[in-house]
Amino acid sequence: MEKTNTYRRSFGLVERVSLGVGGTIGSDIFVVPGIAVQLIGPTSLAVWLIVAISASSILLCLAYIAYRFTPTDSSIRYSSRPLERGSRFH
C-alpha cells in the first residue's frame, strides 16, 4: 500500500482572514513608512504620531458609541438619536 502526500486546495474563513491581515501588516506597517521617509525624511515620524493620535480619537468615539447604544440599534440610530431631542426636520 502506497502512501501519497496530497494537499487540500481550499480557503476557509480562517485562511482568508489570515491573508487579509498579513497583507495589511505587510503593506501598511512595513512598506508605507519606508516610502514616507523617502518622501519627507525624518518629519515622517511626526506625521505618523499625528495620524496615530487622530485615529485613536476616532477609535475612542466609536468605542463610546458602541458602549452607549445597544447592539440591536442599527447604525442609523447612532446619528438619529442625538437629533431626537431638540431638532426635528419635519
PDB file of N, CA and C in Angstrom:
ATOM      1  N   MET A   1       0.832  -1.163   0.000  1.00  0.00           N
ATOM      2  CA  MET A   1       0.000   0.000   0.000  1.00  0.00           C
ATOM      3  C   MET A   1       0.885   1.237   0.000  1.00  0.00           C
ATOM      4  N   GLU A   2       0.644   2.061  -0.950  1.00  0.00           N
ATOM      5  CA  GLU A   2       1.483   3.237  -1.133  1.00  0.00           C
ATOM      6  C   GLU A   2       0.790   4.478  -0.566  1.00  0.00           C
ATOM      7  N   LYS A   3       1.551   5.282   0.158  1.00  0.00           N
ATOM      8  CA  LYS A   3       1.013   6.483   0.784  1.00  0.00           C
ATOM      9  C   LYS A   3       1.391   7.689  -0.069  1.00  0.00           C
ATOM     10  N   THR A   4       0.389   8.464  -0.453  1.00  0.00           N
ATOM     11  CA  THR A   4       0.659   9.650  -1.262  1.00  0.00           C
ATOM     12  C   THR A   4       0.382  10.893  -0.434  1.00  0.00           C
ATOM     13  N   ASN A   5       1.204  11.884  -0.631  1.00  0.00           N
ATOM     14  CA  ASN A   5       1.019  13.158   0.046  1.00  0.00           C
ATOM     15  C   ASN A   5       0.210  14.080  -0.855  1.00  0.00           C
ATOM     16  N   THR A   6      -0.976  14.379  -0.435  1.00  0.00           N
ATOM     17  CA  THR A   6      -1.812  15.307  -1.195  1.00  0.00           C
ATOM     18  C   THR A   6      -2.235  16.436  -0.277  1.00  0.00           C
ATOM     19  N   TYR A   7      -2.387  17.578  -0.866  1.00  0.00           N
ATOM     20  CA  TYR A   7      -2.811  18.754  -0.124  1.00  0.00           C
ATOM     21  C   TYR A   7      -4.210  19.150  -0.577  1.00  0.00           C
ATOM     22  N   ARG A   8      -4.981  19.547   0.362  1.00  0.00           N
ATOM     23  CA  ARG A   8      -6.324  20.013   0.063  1.00  0.00           C
ATOM     24  C   ARG A   8      -6.233  21.479  -0.363  1.00  0.00           C
ATOM     25  N   ARG A   9      -6.774  21.815  -1.489  1.00  0.00           N
ATOM     26  CA  ARG A   9      -6.713  23.182  -2.005  1.00  0.00           C
ATOM     27  C   ARG A   9      -8.035  23.885  -1.750  1.00  0.00           C
ATOM     28  N   SER A  10      -8.130  24.490  -0.593  1.00  0.00           N
ATOM     29  CA  SER A  10      -9.341  25.235  -0.270  1.00  0.00           C
ATOM     30  C   SER A  10      -8.987  26.348   0.706  1.00  0.00           C
ATOM     31  N   PHE A  11      -9.722  27.415   0.610  1.00  0.00           N
ATOM     32  CA  PHE A  11      -9.561  28.537   1.521  1.00  0.00           C
ATOM     33  C   PHE A  11     -10.820  28.676   2.354  1.00  0.00           C
ATOM     34  N   GLY A  12     -10.662  28.498   3.638  1.00  0.00           N
ATOM     35  CA  GLY A  12     -11.772  28.710   4.549  1.00  0.00           C
ATOM     36  C   GLY A  12     -11.729  30.126   5.092  1.00  0.00           C
ATOM     37  N   LEU A  13     -12.575  30.385   6.059  1.00  0.00           N
ATOM     38  CA  LEU A  13     -12.644  31.715   6.648  1.00  0.00           C
ATOM     39  C   LEU A  13     -11.336  32.094   7.330  1.00  0.00           C
ATOM     40  N   VAL A  14     -10.744  31.172   8.050  1.00  0.00           N
ATOM     41  CA  VAL A  14      -9.503  31.455   8.775  1.00  0.00           C
ATOM     42  C   VAL A  14      -8.372  31.794   7.798  1.00  0.00           C
ATOM     43  N   GLU A  15      -8.289  31.076   6.729  1.00  0.00           N
ATOM     44  CA  GLU A  15      -7.229  31.344   5.750  1.00  0.00           C
ATOM     45  C   GLU A  15      -7.427  32.689   5.064  1.00  0.00           C
ATOM     46  N   ARG A  16      -8.658  33.024   4.759  1.00  0.00           N
ATOM     47  CA  ARG A  16      -8.933  34.312   4.108  1.00  0.00           C
ATOM     48  C   ARG A  16      -8.629  35.482   5.037  1.00  0.00           C
ATOM     49  N   VAL A  17      -9.029  35.348   6.290  1.00  0.00           N
ATOM     50  CA  VAL A  17      -8.735  36.412   7.258  1.00  0.00           C
ATOM     51  C   VAL A  17      -7.234  36.538   7.461  1.00  0.00           C
ATOM     52  N   SER A  18      -6.544  35.418   7.532  1.00  0.00           N
ATOM     53  CA  SER A  18      -5.090  35.445   7.700  1.00  0.00           C
ATOM     54  C   SER A  18      -4.402  36.134   6.526  1.00  0.00           C
ATOM     55  N   LEU A  19      -4.865  35.871   5.320  1.00  0.00           N
ATOM     56  CA  LEU A  19      -4.287  36.546   4.152  1.00  0.00           C
ATOM     57  C   LEU A  19      -4.563  38.043   4.190  1.00  0.00           C
ATOM     58  N   GLY A  20      -5.767  38.440   4.591  1.00  0.00           N
ATOM     59  CA  GLY A  20      -6.095  39.860   4.681  1.00  0.00           C
ATOM     60  C   GLY A  20      -5.270  40.577   5.731  1.00  0.00           C
ATOM     61  N   VAL A  21      -5.155  39.972   6.903  1.00  0.00           N
ATOM     62  CA  VAL A  21      -4.362  40.584   7.975  1.00  0.00           C
ATOM     63  C   VAL A  21      -2.891  40.628   7.596  1.00  0.00           C
ATOM     64  N   GLY A  22      -2.400  39.566   7.008  1.00  0.00           N
ATOM     65  CA  GLY A  22      -1.000  39.537   6.581  1.00  0.00           C
ATOM     66  C   GLY A  22      -0.701  40.571   5.517  1.00  0.00           C
ATOM     67  N   GLY A  23      -1.620  40.757   4.576  1.00  0.00           N
ATOM     68  CA  GLY A  23      -1.434  41.783   3.550  1.00  0.00           C
ATOM     69  C   GLY A  23      -1.459  43.182   4.130  1.00  0.00           C
ATOM     70  N   THR A  24      -2.326  43.393   5.092  1.00  0.00           N
ATOM     71  CA  THR A  24      -2.399  44.708   5.739  1.00  0.00           C
ATOM     72  C   THR A  24      -1.133  45.000   6.523  1.00  0.00           C
ATOM     73  N   ILE A  25      -0.702  44.040   7.292  1.00  0.00           N
ATOM     74  CA  ILE A  25       0.517  44.235   8.081  1.00  0.00           C
ATOM     75  C   ILE A  25       1.717  44.418   7.166  1.00  0.00           C
ATOM     76  N   GLY A  26       1.808  43.624   6.128  1.00  0.00           N
ATOM     77  CA  GLY A  26       2.953  43.710   5.226  1.00  0.00           C
ATOM     78  C   GLY A  26       3.020  45.022   4.484  1.00  0.00           C
ATOM     79  N   SER A  27       1.895  45.486   3.960  1.00  0.00           N
ATOM     80  CA  SER A  27       1.942  46.707   3.154  1.00  0.00           C
ATOM     81  C   SER A  27       1.873  47.967   3.994  1.00  0.00           C
ATOM     82  N   ASP A  28       1.008  47.989   4.983  1.00  0.00           N
ATOM     83  CA  ASP A  28       0.802  49.227   5.732  1.00  0.00           C
ATOM     84  C   ASP A  28       1.878  49.489   6.772  1.00  0.00           C
ATOM     85  N   ILE A  29       2.355  48.473   7.420  1.00  0.00           N
ATOM     86  CA  ILE A  29       3.301  48.699   8.510  1.00  0.00           C
ATOM     87  C   ILE A  29       4.746  48.724   8.035  1.00  0.00           C
ATOM     88  N   PHE A  30       5.075  47.958   7.019  1.00  0.00           N
ATOM     89  CA  PHE A  30       6.478  47.873   6.609  1.00  0.00           C
ATOM     90  C   PHE A  30       6.808  48.684   5.362  1.00  0.00           C
ATOM     91  N   VAL A  31       5.906  48.787   4.412  1.00  0.00           N
ATOM     92  CA  VAL A  31       6.214  49.452   3.147  1.00  0.00           C
ATOM     93  C   VAL A  31       5.949  50.955   3.213  1.00  0.00           C
ATOM     94  N   VAL A  32       4.797  51.344   3.727  1.00  0.00           N
ATOM     95  CA  VAL A  32       4.403  52.754   3.719  1.00  0.00           C
ATOM     96  C   VAL A  32       5.347  53.642   4.530  1.00  0.00           C
ATOM     97  N   PRO A  33       5.810  53.247   5.720  1.00  0.00           N
ATOM     98  CA  PRO A  33       6.775  54.113   6.416  1.00  0.00           C
ATOM     99  C   PRO A  33       8.070  54.333   5.639  1.00  0.00           C
ATOM    100  N   GLY A  34       8.515  53.325   4.909  1.00  0.00           N
ATOM    101  CA  GLY A  34       9.714  53.493   4.088  1.00  0.00           C
ATOM    102  C   GLY A  34       9.507  54.500   2.977  1.00  0.00           C
ATOM    103  N   ILE A  35       8.344  54.463   2.360  1.00  0.00           N
ATOM    104  CA  ILE A  35       8.025  55.431   1.311  1.00  0.00           C
ATOM    105  C   ILE A  35       7.922  56.832   1.906  1.00  0.00           C
ATOM    106  N   ALA A  36       7.304  56.936   3.095  1.00  0.00           N
ATOM    107  CA  ALA A  36       7.163  58.245   3.742  1.00  0.00           C
ATOM    108  C   ALA A  36       8.519  58.838   4.096  1.00  0.00           C
ATOM    109  N   VAL A  37       9.439  58.024   4.567  1.00  0.00           N
ATOM    110  CA  VAL A  37      10.777  58.522   4.898  1.00  0.00           C
ATOM    111  C   VAL A  37      11.493  59.003   3.644  1.00  0.00           C
ATOM    112  N   GLN A  38      11.323  58.299   2.542  1.00  0.00           N
ATOM    113  CA  GLN A  38      11.943  58.725   1.291  1.00  0.00           C
ATOM    114  C   GLN A  38      11.374  60.059   0.812  1.00  0.00           C
ATOM    115  N   LEU A  39      10.078  60.263   1.019  1.00  0.00           N
ATOM    116  CA  LEU A  39       9.444  61.476   0.520  1.00  0.00           C
ATOM    117  C   LEU A  39       9.713  62.699   1.398  1.00  0.00           C
ATOM    118  N   ILE A  40       9.546  62.568   2.727  1.00  0.00           N
ATOM    119  CA  ILE A  40       9.647  63.757   3.577  1.00  0.00           C
ATOM    120  C   ILE A  40      10.705  63.649   4.661  1.00  0.00           C
ATOM    121  N   GLY A  41      11.435  62.564   4.708  1.00  0.00           N
ATOM    122  CA  GLY A  41      12.544  62.436   5.648  1.00  0.00           C
ATOM    123  C   GLY A  41      12.097  62.181   7.079  1.00  0.00           C
ATOM    124  N   PRO A  42      12.882  62.668   8.041  1.00  0.00           N
ATOM    125  CA  PRO A  42      12.584  62.398   9.444  1.00  0.00           C
ATOM    126  C   PRO A  42      11.279  63.023   9.945  1.00  0.00           C
ATOM    127  N   THR A  43      10.751  63.967   9.201  1.00  0.00           N
ATOM    128  CA  THR A  43       9.473  64.574   9.578  1.00  0.00           C
ATOM    129  C   THR A  43       8.337  63.560   9.548  1.00  0.00           C
ATOM    130  N   SER A  44       8.552  62.460   8.850  1.00  0.00           N
ATOM    131  CA  SER A  44       7.512  61.441   8.753  1.00  0.00           C
ATOM    132  C   SER A  44       7.159  60.853  10.118  1.00  0.00           C
ATOM    133  N   LEU A  45       8.089  60.863  11.068  1.00  0.00           N
ATOM    134  CA  LEU A  45       7.781  60.373  12.410  1.00  0.00           C
ATOM    135  C   LEU A  45       6.720  61.242  13.078  1.00  0.00           C
ATOM    136  N   ALA A  46       6.830  62.562  12.911  1.00  0.00           N
ATOM    137  CA  ALA A  46       5.827  63.466  13.466  1.00  0.00           C
ATOM    138  C   ALA A  46       4.475  63.260  12.784  1.00  0.00           C
ATOM    139  N   VAL A  47       4.495  63.032  11.490  1.00  0.00           N
ATOM    140  CA  VAL A  47       3.254  62.784  10.754  1.00  0.00           C
ATOM    141  C   VAL A  47       2.585  61.507  11.254  1.00  0.00           C
ATOM    142  N   TRP A  48       3.376  60.463  11.467  1.00  0.00           N
ATOM    143  CA  TRP A  48       2.818  59.209  11.975  1.00  0.00           C
ATOM    144  C   TRP A  48       2.244  59.393  13.376  1.00  0.00           C
ATOM    145  N   LEU A  49       2.871  60.224  14.187  1.00  0.00           N
ATOM    146  CA  LEU A  49       2.351  60.489  15.521  1.00  0.00           C
ATOM    147  C   LEU A  49       1.016  61.230  15.449  1.00  0.00           C
ATOM    148  N   ILE A  50       0.903  62.211  14.566  1.00  0.00           N
ATOM    149  CA  ILE A  50      -0.358  62.939  14.390  1.00  0.00           C
ATOM    150  C   ILE A  50      -1.458  61.993  13.905  1.00  0.00           C
ATOM    151  N   VAL A  51      -1.130  61.135  12.970  1.00  0.00           N
ATOM    152  CA  VAL A  51      -2.101  60.170  12.461  1.00  0.00           C
ATOM    153  C   VAL A  51      -2.528  59.207  13.562  1.00  0.00           C
ATOM    154  N   ALA A  52      -1.594  58.762  14.389  1.00  0.00           N
ATOM    155  CA  ALA A  52      -1.921  57.845  15.480  1.00  0.00           C
ATOM    156  C   ALA A  52      -2.849  58.501  16.493  1.00  0.00           C
ATOM    157  N   ILE A  53      -2.614  59.769  16.798  1.00  0.00           N
ATOM    158  CA  ILE A  53      -3.476  60.479  17.750  1.00  0.00           C
ATOM    159  C   ILE A  53      -4.872  60.667  17.166  1.00  0.00           C
ATOM    160  N   SER A  54      -4.969  61.051  15.900  1.00  0.00           N
ATOM    161  CA  SER A  54      -6.291  61.244  15.303  1.00  0.00           C
ATOM    162  C   SER A  54      -7.042  59.921  15.157  1.00  0.00           C
ATOM    163  N   ALA A  55      -6.349  58.856  14.786  1.00  0.00           N
ATOM    164  CA  ALA A  55      -7.005  57.548  14.690  1.00  0.00           C
ATOM    165  C   ALA A  55      -7.458  57.070  16.066  1.00  0.00           C
ATOM    166  N   SER A  56      -6.677  57.348  17.100  1.00  0.00           N
ATOM    167  CA  SER A  56      -7.060  56.953  18.454  1.00  0.00           C
ATOM    168  C   SER A  56      -8.288  57.718  18.923  1.00  0.00           C
ATOM    169  N   SER A  57      -8.396  58.989  18.565  1.00  0.00           N
ATOM    170  CA  SER A  57      -9.579  59.748  18.968  1.00  0.00           C
ATOM    171  C   SER A  57     -10.831  59.227  18.272  1.00  0.00           C
ATOM    172  N   ILE A  58     -10.718  58.863  17.010  1.00  0.00           N
ATOM    173  CA  ILE A  58     -11.853  58.268  16.303  1.00  0.00           C
ATOM    174  C   ILE A  58     -12.208  56.923  16.931  1.00  0.00           C
ATOM    175  N   LEU A  59     -11.205  56.149  17.284  1.00  0.00           N
ATOM    176  CA  LEU A  59     -11.433  54.858  17.932  1.00  0.00           C
ATOM    177  C   LEU A  59     -12.173  55.027  19.247  1.00  0.00           C
ATOM    178  N   LEU A  60     -11.776  56.014  20.045  1.00  0.00           N
ATOM    179  CA  LEU A  60     -12.443  56.244  21.322  1.00  0.00           C
ATOM    180  C   LEU A  60     -13.888  56.704  21.128  1.00  0.00           C
ATOM    181  N   CYS A  61     -14.132  57.524  20.132  1.00  0.00           N
ATOM    182  CA  CYS A  61     -15.507  57.952  19.847  1.00  0.00           C
ATOM    183  C   CYS A  61     -16.380  56.767  19.442  1.00  0.00           C
ATOM    184  N   LEU A  62     -15.883  55.928  18.575  1.00  0.00           N
ATOM    185  CA  LEU A  62     -16.651  54.763  18.152  1.00  0.00           C
ATOM    186  C   LEU A  62     -16.840  53.765  19.282  1.00  0.00           C
ATOM    187  N   ALA A  63     -15.843  53.636  20.147  1.00  0.00           N
ATOM    188  CA  ALA A  63     -15.982  52.749  21.297  1.00  0.00           C
ATOM    189  C   ALA A  63     -17.057  53.260  22.242  1.00  0.00           C
ATOM    190  N   TYR A  64     -17.125  54.581  22.443  1.00  0.00           N
ATOM    191  CA  TYR A  64     -18.156  55.153  23.298  1.00  0.00           C
ATOM    192  C   TYR A  64     -19.543  54.937  22.689  1.00  0.00           C
ATOM    193  N   ILE A  65     -19.662  55.126  21.392  1.00  0.00           N
ATOM    194  CA  ILE A  65     -20.949  54.907  20.727  1.00  0.00           C
ATOM    195  C   ILE A  65     -21.372  53.451  20.871  1.00  0.00           C
ATOM    196  N   ALA A  66     -20.445  52.522  20.691  1.00  0.00           N
ATOM    197  CA  ALA A  66     -20.773  51.107  20.829  1.00  0.00           C
ATOM    198  C   ALA A  66     -21.172  50.772  22.254  1.00  0.00           C
ATOM    199  N   TYR A  67     -20.591  51.444  23.235  1.00  0.00           N
ATOM    200  CA  TYR A  67     -20.940  51.220  24.628  1.00  0.00           C
ATOM    201  C   TYR A  67     -22.295  51.843  24.964  1.00  0.00           C
ATOM    202  N   ARG A  68     -22.549  53.012  24.410  1.00  0.00           N
ATOM    203  CA  ARG A  68     -23.747  53.784  24.765  1.00  0.00           C
ATOM    204  C   ARG A  68     -25.026  53.187  24.212  1.00  0.00           C
ATOM    205  N   PHE A  69     -24.996  52.686  23.003  1.00  0.00           N
ATOM    206  CA  PHE A  69     -26.191  52.165  22.363  1.00  0.00           C
ATOM    207  C   PHE A  69     -26.176  50.644  22.391  1.00  0.00           C
ATOM    208  N   THR A  70     -27.344  50.063  22.397  1.00  0.00           N
ATOM    209  CA  THR A  70     -27.431  48.602  22.463  1.00  0.00           C
ATOM    210  C   THR A  70     -27.064  47.988  21.116  1.00  0.00           C
ATOM    211  N   PRO A  71     -26.693  46.720  21.128  1.00  0.00           N
ATOM    212  CA  PRO A  71     -26.332  46.070  19.855  1.00  0.00           C
ATOM    213  C   PRO A  71     -27.501  45.953  18.884  1.00  0.00           C
ATOM    214  N   THR A  72     -28.729  46.049  19.367  1.00  0.00           N
ATOM    215  CA  THR A  72     -29.866  45.935  18.458  1.00  0.00           C
ATOM    216  C   THR A  72     -30.123  47.217  17.688  1.00  0.00           C
ATOM    217  N   ASP A  73     -29.556  48.331  18.144  1.00  0.00           N
ATOM    218  CA  ASP A  73     -29.705  49.576  17.389  1.00  0.00           C
ATOM    219  C   ASP A  73     -28.891  49.490  16.113  1.00  0.00           C
ATOM    220  N   SER A  74     -29.455  49.994  15.047  1.00  0.00           N
ATOM    221  CA  SER A  74     -28.717  49.987  13.793  1.00  0.00           C
ATOM    222  C   SER A  74     -27.812  51.214  13.722  1.00  0.00           C
ATOM    223  N   SER A  75     -26.994  51.266  12.698  1.00  0.00           N
ATOM    224  CA  SER A  75     -26.048  52.383  12.583  1.00  0.00           C
ATOM    225  C   SER A  75     -26.754  53.719  12.354  1.00  0.00           C
ATOM    226  N   ILE A  76     -27.948  53.708  11.792  1.00  0.00           N
ATOM    227  CA  ILE A  76     -28.666  54.965  11.600  1.00  0.00           C
ATOM    228  C   ILE A  76     -29.106  55.543  12.933  1.00  0.00           C
ATOM    229  N   ARG A  77     -29.301  54.695  13.940  1.00  0.00           N
ATOM    230  CA  ARG A  77     -29.683  55.174  15.263  1.00  0.00           C
ATOM    231  C   ARG A  77     -28.560  55.968  15.916  1.00  0.00           C
ATOM    232  N   TYR A  78     -27.315  55.674  15.568  1.00  0.00           N
ATOM    233  CA  TYR A  78     -26.196  56.405  16.155  1.00  0.00           C
ATOM    234  C   TYR A  78     -26.280  57.892  15.815  1.00  0.00           C
ATOM    235  N   SER A  79     -26.711  58.193  14.601  1.00  0.00           N
ATOM    236  CA  SER A  79     -26.780  59.591  14.206  1.00  0.00           C
ATOM    237  C   SER A  79     -28.145  60.206  14.465  1.00  0.00           C
ATOM    238  N   SER A  80     -29.207  59.418  14.460  1.00  0.00           N
ATOM    239  CA  SER A  80     -30.536  59.994  14.636  1.00  0.00           C
ATOM    240  C   SER A  80     -30.901  60.182  16.105  1.00  0.00           C
ATOM    241  N   ARG A  81     -30.349  59.413  16.999  1.00  0.00           N
ATOM    242  CA  ARG A  81     -30.714  59.510  18.410  1.00  0.00           C
ATOM    243  C   ARG A  81     -30.362  60.862  19.033  1.00  0.00           C
ATOM    244  N   PRO A  82     -29.190  61.432  18.782  1.00  0.00           N
ATOM    245  CA  PRO A  82     -28.918  62.766  19.335  1.00  0.00           C
ATOM    246  C   PRO A  82     -29.838  63.845  18.776  1.00  0.00           C
ATOM    247  N   LEU A  83     -30.376  63.650  17.594  1.00  0.00           N
ATOM    248  CA  LEU A  83     -31.249  64.644  16.987  1.00  0.00           C
ATOM    249  C   LEU A  83     -32.688  64.523  17.455  1.00  0.00           C
ATOM    250  N   GLU A  84     -33.020  63.461  18.194  1.00  0.00           N
ATOM    251  CA  GLU A  84     -34.398  63.250  18.611  1.00  0.00           C
ATOM    252  C   GLU A  84     -34.890  64.311  19.578  1.00  0.00           C
ATOM    253  N   ARG A  85     -34.041  64.839  20.419  1.00  0.00           N
ATOM    254  CA  ARG A  85     -34.480  65.738  21.485  1.00  0.00           C
ATOM    255  C   ARG A  85     -34.914  67.100  20.975  1.00  0.00           C
ATOM    256  N   GLY A  86     -34.021  67.834  20.319  1.00  0.00           N
ATOM    257  CA  GLY A  86     -34.312  69.226  20.052  1.00  0.00           C
ATOM    258  C   GLY A  86     -34.594  69.574  18.618  1.00  0.00           C
ATOM    259  N   SER A  87     -33.899  68.999  17.723  1.00  0.00           N
ATOM    260  CA  SER A  87     -34.041  69.463  16.338  1.00  0.00           C
ATOM    261  C   SER A  87     -34.632  68.349  15.482  1.00  0.00           C
ATOM    262  N   ARG A  88     -35.852  68.524  15.133  1.00  0.00           N
ATOM    263  CA  ARG A  88     -36.507  67.587  14.223  1.00  0.00           C
ATOM    264  C   ARG A  88     -36.705  68.285  12.879  1.00  0.00           C
ATOM    265  N   PHE A  89     -36.506  67.545  11.831  1.00  0.00           N
ATOM    266  CA  PHE A  89     -36.636  68.111  10.492  1.00  0.00           C
ATOM    267  C   PHE A  89     -37.936  67.624   9.866  1.00  0.00           C
ATOM    268  N   HIS A  90     -39.061  68.134  10.361  1.00  0.00           N
ATOM    269  CA  HIS A  90     -40.369  67.742   9.818  1.00  0.00           C
ATOM    270  C   HIS A  90     -40.930  68.852   8.991  1.00  0.00           C
TER     271      HIS A  90
END
